C-alpha atoms as a PDB file:
ATOM      1  CA  MET A   1       6.277   5.960  17.242  1.00  0.00           C
ATOM      2  CA  TYR A   2       7.821   3.192  15.264  1.00  0.00           C
ATOM      3  CA  ASN A   3       9.408   2.624  11.839  1.00  0.00           C
ATOM      4  CA  LEU A   4       8.396  -0.122   9.432  1.00  0.00           C
ATOM      5  CA  PHE A   5      10.412  -2.122   6.889  1.00  0.00           C
ATOM      6  CA  LEU A   6       8.361  -4.149   4.380  1.00  0.00           C
ATOM      7  CA  ASP A   7      10.386  -6.966   2.835  1.00  0.00           C
ATOM      8  CA  ASP A   8       9.840 -10.709   2.469  1.00  0.00           C
ATOM      9  CA  CYS A   9      13.569 -11.607   2.445  1.00  0.00           C
ATOM     10  CA  ARG A  10      15.879  -8.894   3.755  1.00  0.00           C
ATOM     11  CA  SER A  11      16.495  -8.546   7.473  1.00  0.00           C
ATOM     12  CA  LEU A  12      17.693  -5.632   9.570  1.00  0.00           C
ATOM     13  CA  ILE A  13      19.868  -5.526  12.650  1.00  0.00           C
ATOM     14  CA  ASP A  14      18.324  -2.240  13.826  1.00  0.00           C
ATOM     15  CA  ASN A  15      16.012  -2.923  16.783  1.00  0.00           C
ATOM     16  CA  GLU A  16      14.319   0.447  16.215  1.00  0.00           C
ATOM     17  CA  ILE A  17      12.724  -0.786  12.969  1.00  0.00           C
ATOM     18  CA  ILE A  18       9.926  -3.370  12.787  1.00  0.00           C
ATOM     19  CA  VAL A  19      10.150  -5.783   9.851  1.00  0.00           C
ATOM     20  CA  VAL A  20       6.948  -7.065   8.242  1.00  0.00           C
ATOM     21  CA  ARG A  21       7.095  -9.766   5.586  1.00  0.00           C
ATOM     22  CA  SER A  22       3.686  -9.734   3.894  1.00  0.00           C
ATOM     23  CA  TYR A  23       0.640  -7.646   2.996  1.00  0.00           C
ATOM     24  CA  GLU A  24      -1.265  -9.217   5.891  1.00  0.00           C
ATOM     25  CA  GLU A  25       1.464  -8.376   8.432  1.00  0.00           C
ATOM     26  CA  PHE A  26       1.679  -4.833   7.022  1.00  0.00           C
ATOM     27  CA  VAL A  27      -2.061  -4.204   7.353  1.00  0.00           C
ATOM     28  CA  ASN A  28      -2.251  -5.847  10.784  1.00  0.00           C
ATOM     29  CA  LYS A  29       0.655  -3.810  12.195  1.00  0.00           C
ATOM     30  CA  ILE A  30      -0.844  -0.478  11.076  1.00  0.00           C
ATOM     31  CA  GLU A  31      -4.372  -1.388  12.163  1.00  0.00           C
ATOM     32  CA  THR A  32      -3.044  -2.463  15.562  1.00  0.00           C
ATOM     33  CA  CYS A  33      -0.391   0.207  16.214  1.00  0.00           C
ATOM     34  CA  GLY A  34      -1.439   3.133  14.022  1.00  0.00           C
ATOM     35  CA  LEU A  35       0.663   4.791  11.351  1.00  0.00           C
ATOM     36  CA  PRO A  36       4.428   4.479  11.722  1.00  0.00           C
ATOM     37  CA  GLU A  37       6.789   7.428  11.485  1.00  0.00           C
ATOM     38  CA  SER A  38       8.352   5.942   8.333  1.00  0.00           C
ATOM     39  CA  ILE A  39       8.015   2.960   5.993  1.00  0.00           C
ATOM     40  CA  SER A  40      10.553   1.472   3.589  1.00  0.00           C
ATOM     41  CA  PHE A  41       8.943  -0.576   0.798  1.00  0.00           C
ATOM     42  CA  ASP A  42      10.025  -3.607  -1.177  1.00  0.00           C
ATOM     43  CA  HIS A  43       7.812  -4.401  -4.158  1.00  0.00           C
ATOM     44  CA  ASP A  44       8.114  -8.163  -4.557  1.00  0.00           C
ATOM     45  CA  LEU A  45       6.729 -10.040  -1.552  1.00  0.00           C
ATOM     46  CA  GLY A  46       6.804 -13.596  -2.842  1.00  0.00           C
ATOM     47  CA  LEU A  47       3.708 -15.090  -4.423  1.00  0.00           C
ATOM     48  CA  ASP A  48       1.196 -13.048  -2.428  1.00  0.00           C
ATOM     49  CA  LYS A  49       0.279  -9.391  -2.742  1.00  0.00           C
ATOM     50  CA  SER A  50       3.023  -6.885  -3.535  1.00  0.00           C
ATOM     51  CA  GLY A  51       4.426  -3.742  -1.996  1.00  0.00           C
ATOM     52  CA  ALA A  52       2.242  -1.813  -4.453  1.00  0.00           C
ATOM     53  CA  ASP A  53      -0.820  -3.499  -2.902  1.00  0.00           C
ATOM     54  CA  CYS A  54       0.431  -2.318   0.495  1.00  0.00           C
ATOM     55  CA  ALA A  55       0.899   1.199  -0.895  1.00  0.00           C
ATOM     56  CA  HIS A  56      -2.681   1.219  -2.245  1.00  0.00           C
ATOM     57  CA  TRP A  57      -4.006   0.002   1.096  1.00  0.00           C
ATOM     58  CA  LEU A  58      -1.985   2.669   2.954  1.00  0.00           C
ATOM     59  CA  VAL A  59      -3.279   5.465   0.716  1.00  0.00           C
ATOM     60  CA  ASN A  60      -6.878   4.320   1.242  1.00  0.00           C
ATOM     61  CA  TYR A  61      -6.276   4.080   4.999  1.00  0.00           C
ATOM     62  CA  CYS A  62      -4.898   7.633   5.055  1.00  0.00           C
ATOM     63  CA  ILE A  63      -7.810   8.995   3.010  1.00  0.00           C
ATOM     64  CA  LYS A  64     -10.387   7.234   5.186  1.00  0.00           C
ATOM     65  CA  ASN A  65      -8.731   8.476   8.384  1.00  0.00           C
ATOM     66  CA  LYS A  66      -7.745  11.914   7.024  1.00  0.00           C
ATOM     67  CA  LYS A  67      -4.058  11.323   7.764  1.00  0.00           C
ATOM     68  CA  SER A  68      -0.913  12.327   5.932  1.00  0.00           C
ATOM     69  CA  LEU A  69       1.359   9.589   4.660  1.00  0.00           C
ATOM     70  CA  PRO A  70       4.246   8.591   6.889  1.00  0.00           C
ATOM     71  CA  LEU A  71       7.700   9.303   5.521  1.00  0.00           C
ATOM     72  CA  TRP A  72       8.265   6.700   2.831  1.00  0.00           C
ATOM     73  CA  SER A  73      11.141   5.234   0.876  1.00  0.00           C
ATOM     74  CA  ILE A  74      11.525   2.372  -1.553  1.00  0.00           C
ATOM     75  CA  HIS A  75      14.381  -0.119  -1.389  1.00  0.00           C
ATOM     76  CA  SER A  76      13.051  -2.563  -4.007  1.00  0.00           C
ATOM     77  CA  GLY A  77      15.362  -3.913  -6.692  1.00  0.00           C
ATOM     78  CA  ASN A  78      12.343  -4.163  -9.012  1.00  0.00           C
ATOM     79  CA  MET A  79      12.582  -0.867 -10.898  1.00  0.00           C
ATOM     80  CA  ILE A  80       9.099  -1.054 -12.428  1.00  0.00           C
ATOM     81  CA  GLY A  81       7.531  -2.061  -9.120  1.00  0.00           C
ATOM     82  CA  ALA A  82       9.395   0.738  -7.330  1.00  0.00           C
ATOM     83  CA  ALA A  83       8.152   3.244  -9.920  1.00  0.00           C
ATOM     84  CA  ASN A  84       4.583   2.032  -9.372  1.00  0.00           C
ATOM     85  CA  ILE A  85       4.837   2.515  -5.603  1.00  0.00           C
ATOM     86  CA  ARG A  86       6.391   5.955  -6.076  1.00  0.00           C
ATOM     87  CA  SER A  87       3.557   6.922  -8.435  1.00  0.00           C
ATOM     88  CA  ILE A  88       0.906   5.841  -5.933  1.00  0.00           C
ATOM     89  CA  PHE A  89       2.410   8.044  -3.221  1.00  0.00           C
ATOM     90  CA  LEU A  90       3.154  11.050  -5.422  1.00  0.00           C
ATOM     91  CA  THR A  91      -0.423  11.015  -6.715  1.00  0.00           C
ATOM     92  CA  PHE A  92      -1.758  10.917  -3.147  1.00  0.00           C
ATOM     93  CA  GLU A  93       0.519  13.790  -2.104  1.00  0.00           C
ATOM     94  CA  LYS A  94      -0.569  15.852  -5.120  1.00  0.00           C
ATOM     95  CA  TYR A  95      -4.295  15.627  -4.339  1.00  0.00           C
ATOM     96  CA  PHE A  96      -4.554  15.181  -0.572  1.00  0.00           C
ATOM     97  CA  ASP A  97      -3.211  17.427   2.167  1.00  0.00           C
ATOM     98  CA  PHE A  98      -4.283  16.442   5.664  1.00  0.00           C
END
């Protein structure tokens, strides 16, 4: 198992956590390695897709594969973006139980 940290700017010193910087890296890591044990989300990922796009992709991946969400947290400074990500996950958890 592994843990994932989605952020285009912040870095971590913890070697136990894999940092991905973009939507493409996020999708590629999960498609290659499977679901992580946990994911921490930033919303703003530069000019490309956002953390909310990653959250939508993750929910669709879990539905398609009949998997529960990994443990998730949000570390974004964007309060509206963080609320959007939280809403995506809470809606999934309300309606799907794998």
